[in-house]
């Protein structure tokens, strides 16, 4: 009986280790400004990486890497990305103006891509705040404000 109990506990432990391996968290947040280029932020369980790409550059240049603070990581992971729409578009801003935001998210079997065109969305604003807490001020994301007009005919 004792052997059976040890065998069951070992099986549960192996399953837990396997589940942890498949529950890898990855989040990509990119901003595109029609004048400045692309800034990209990659967040994983371990780190945050910031890279920039000018309008004529062919590859991303990594400008900042840091270990991810656990408290910020847990808050980031708790955002319910799967409940968000795939696309948000601000009809008050021309398509060739404003800022574009792209989010790619994967956590275990869940994945989601979201694009926003100069559009305020509260969950995304919370994400931006968490990212900005994780990087030096020079790499802060300038996200549109809650007062941004976005419902035009």
Protein backbone atom coordinates (compact mmCIF):
# COMPACT_ATOMS: atom_id res chain seq x y z
CA UNK A 1 0.00 0.00 0.00
CA UNK A 2 2.84 2.37 0.89
CA UNK A 3 4.48 1.62 -2.48
CA UNK A 4 1.24 2.47 -4.29
CA UNK A 5 0.98 5.78 -2.43
CA UNK A 6 4.60 6.67 -3.34
CA UNK A 7 3.92 5.72 -6.96
CA UNK A 8 0.81 7.95 -7.08
CA UNK A 9 2.70 10.87 -5.51
CA UNK A 10 5.55 10.43 -8.01
CA UNK A 11 3.05 10.40 -10.88
CA UNK A 12 1.40 13.59 -9.60
CA UNK A 13 4.80 15.28 -9.26
CA UNK A 14 5.79 14.32 -12.81
CA UNK A 15 2.46 15.65 -14.11
CA UNK A 16 3.02 18.91 -12.21
CA UNK A 17 6.50 19.30 -13.72
CA UNK A 18 5.14 18.57 -17.19
CA UNK A 19 2.32 21.10 -16.72
CA UNK A 20 4.80 23.77 -15.62
CA UNK A 21 6.83 23.14 -18.77
CA UNK A 22 3.81 23.55 -21.02
CA UNK A 23 2.49 26.62 -19.21
CA UNK A 24 5.22 28.89 -20.52
CA UNK A 25 4.08 32.50 -20.68
CA UNK A 26 5.10 34.74 -23.59
CA UNK A 27 3.79 38.17 -24.41
CA UNK A 28 4.86 40.43 -27.25
CA UNK A 29 3.86 44.07 -27.30
CA UNK A 30 4.85 46.21 -30.27
CA UNK A 31 4.18 49.85 -30.98
CA UNK A 32 4.37 51.29 -34.45
CA UNK A 33 4.49 54.98 -35.12
CA UNK A 34 4.39 56.09 -38.75
CA UNK A 35 7.25 58.52 -38.09
CA UNK A 36 9.47 56.75 -35.54
CA UNK A 37 9.33 53.03 -36.32
CA UNK A 38 8.71 49.97 -34.15
CA UNK A 39 9.42 49.37 -30.46
CA UNK A 40 8.95 45.78 -29.28
CA UNK A 41 8.67 44.32 -25.79
CA UNK A 42 8.92 40.61 -25.10
CA UNK A 43 7.90 39.34 -21.67
CA UNK A 44 8.47 35.77 -20.52
CA UNK A 45 8.49 34.02 -17.17
CA UNK A 46 12.12 35.06 -16.78
CA UNK A 47 12.78 38.37 -18.51
CA UNK A 48 11.69 41.44 -20.41
CA UNK A 49 13.47 42.37 -23.64
CA UNK A 50 13.08 45.70 -25.43
CA UNK A 51 14.11 46.12 -29.05
CA UNK A 52 13.75 48.97 -31.52
CA UNK A 53 13.62 49.11 -35.28
CA UNK A 54 13.73 52.32 -37.28
CA UNK A 55 11.71 52.78 -40.43
CA UNK A 56 14.64 51.81 -42.68
CA UNK A 57 16.40 49.28 -40.41
CA UNK A 58 16.27 45.67 -41.50
CA UNK A 59 16.54 44.06 -38.08
CA UNK A 60 15.56 44.72 -34.48
CA UNK A 61 18.21 46.13 -32.17
CA UNK A 62 17.97 44.87 -28.60
CA UNK A 63 18.37 47.89 -26.32
CA UNK A 64 17.37 46.51 -22.91
CA UNK A 65 17.15 43.14 -21.16
CA UNK A 66 16.24 42.60 -17.53
CA UNK A 67 15.02 39.89 -15.22
CA UNK A 68 11.25 40.18 -14.86
CA UNK A 69 10.04 41.22 -11.41
CA UNK A 70 7.83 38.42 -10.10
CA UNK A 71 5.08 40.72 -8.78
CA UNK A 72 4.77 42.51 -12.13
CA UNK A 73 4.92 39.21 -13.99
CA UNK A 74 2.05 37.78 -11.92
CA UNK A 75 -0.08 40.89 -12.54
CA UNK A 76 0.70 40.73 -16.27
CA UNK A 77 -0.19 37.06 -16.39
CA UNK A 78 -3.51 37.72 -14.66
CA UNK A 79 -4.81 40.06 -17.40
CA UNK A 80 -7.61 38.25 -19.25
CA UNK A 81 -6.30 38.71 -22.81
CA UNK A 82 -8.55 35.98 -24.22
CA UNK A 83 -11.62 38.07 -23.32
CA UNK A 84 -10.47 40.98 -25.50
CA UNK A 85 -11.46 41.54 -29.10
CA UNK A 86 -8.95 40.81 -31.85
CA UNK A 87 -8.98 44.34 -33.22
CA UNK A 88 -9.80 47.86 -32.06
CA UNK A 89 -9.87 50.75 -34.53
CA UNK A 90 -10.25 54.44 -33.80
CA UNK A 91 -12.38 55.95 -36.59
CA UNK A 92 -11.50 59.46 -35.42
CA UNK A 93 -7.88 59.06 -36.61
CA UNK A 94 -6.81 58.48 -40.23
CA UNK A 95 -5.42 55.01 -40.86
CA UNK A 96 -2.02 56.49 -41.74
CA UNK A 97 -1.87 58.59 -38.56
CA UNK A 98 -1.70 57.80 -34.88
CA UNK A 99 -0.03 54.87 -33.18
CA UNK A 100 -0.52 51.18 -33.78
CA UNK A 101 -0.26 48.63 -30.98
CA UNK A 102 0.10 44.87 -31.48
CA UNK A 103 -0.06 42.28 -28.72
CA UNK A 104 0.71 38.60 -29.11
CA UNK A 105 0.07 36.39 -26.11
CA UNK A 106 0.66 32.71 -25.42
CA UNK A 107 0.15 30.88 -22.15
CA UNK A 108 -0.01 27.11 -22.36
CA UNK A 109 -2.61 26.21 -24.97
CA UNK A 110 -4.10 29.73 -25.00
CA UNK A 111 -2.93 32.21 -27.60
CA UNK A 112 -4.29 35.53 -28.76
CA UNK A 113 -3.34 38.36 -31.11
CA UNK A 114 -4.75 41.85 -30.64
CA UNK A 115 -4.25 44.97 -32.72
CA UNK A 116 -5.24 48.50 -31.78
CA UNK A 117 -5.18 51.58 -33.99
CA UNK A 118 -4.83 54.65 -31.71
CA UNK A 119 -7.45 53.10 -29.43
CA UNK A 120 -7.75 53.17 -25.63
CA UNK A 121 -8.64 49.89 -23.96
CA UNK A 122 -8.44 49.63 -20.15
CA UNK A 123 -6.82 46.17 -19.96
CA UNK A 124 -4.17 47.24 -22.46
CA UNK A 125 -3.59 50.45 -20.47
CA UNK A 126 -3.00 48.26 -17.39
CA UNK A 127 -0.53 46.15 -19.37
CA UNK A 128 1.32 49.27 -20.56
CA UNK A 129 1.54 50.49 -16.97
CA UNK A 130 3.10 47.17 -15.91
CA UNK A 131 5.57 47.21 -18.80
CA UNK A 132 6.54 50.79 -17.98
CA UNK A 133 7.24 49.74 -14.38
CA UNK A 134 9.66 47.14 -15.78
CA UNK A 135 11.80 49.29 -18.08
CA UNK A 136 13.81 52.51 -17.80
CA UNK A 137 11.88 55.69 -18.57
CA UNK A 138 13.54 56.09 -21.98
CA UNK A 139 11.78 52.88 -23.10
CA UNK A 140 8.34 53.68 -21.67
CA UNK A 141 5.39 53.10 -23.95
CA UNK A 142 3.42 56.22 -24.76
CA UNK A 143 -0.08 54.77 -24.86
CA UNK A 144 -3.18 56.80 -25.72
CA UNK A 145 -5.15 58.15 -22.77
CA UNK A 146 -8.58 57.32 -21.47
CA UNK A 147 -9.80 60.68 -22.78
CA UNK A 148 -8.87 59.83 -26.39
CA UNK A 149 -11.81 60.46 -28.69
CA UNK A 150 -12.50 57.19 -30.50
CA UNK A 151 -16.20 57.00 -31.34
CA UNK A 152 -16.66 59.11 -34.46
CA UNK A 153 -19.35 58.58 -37.09
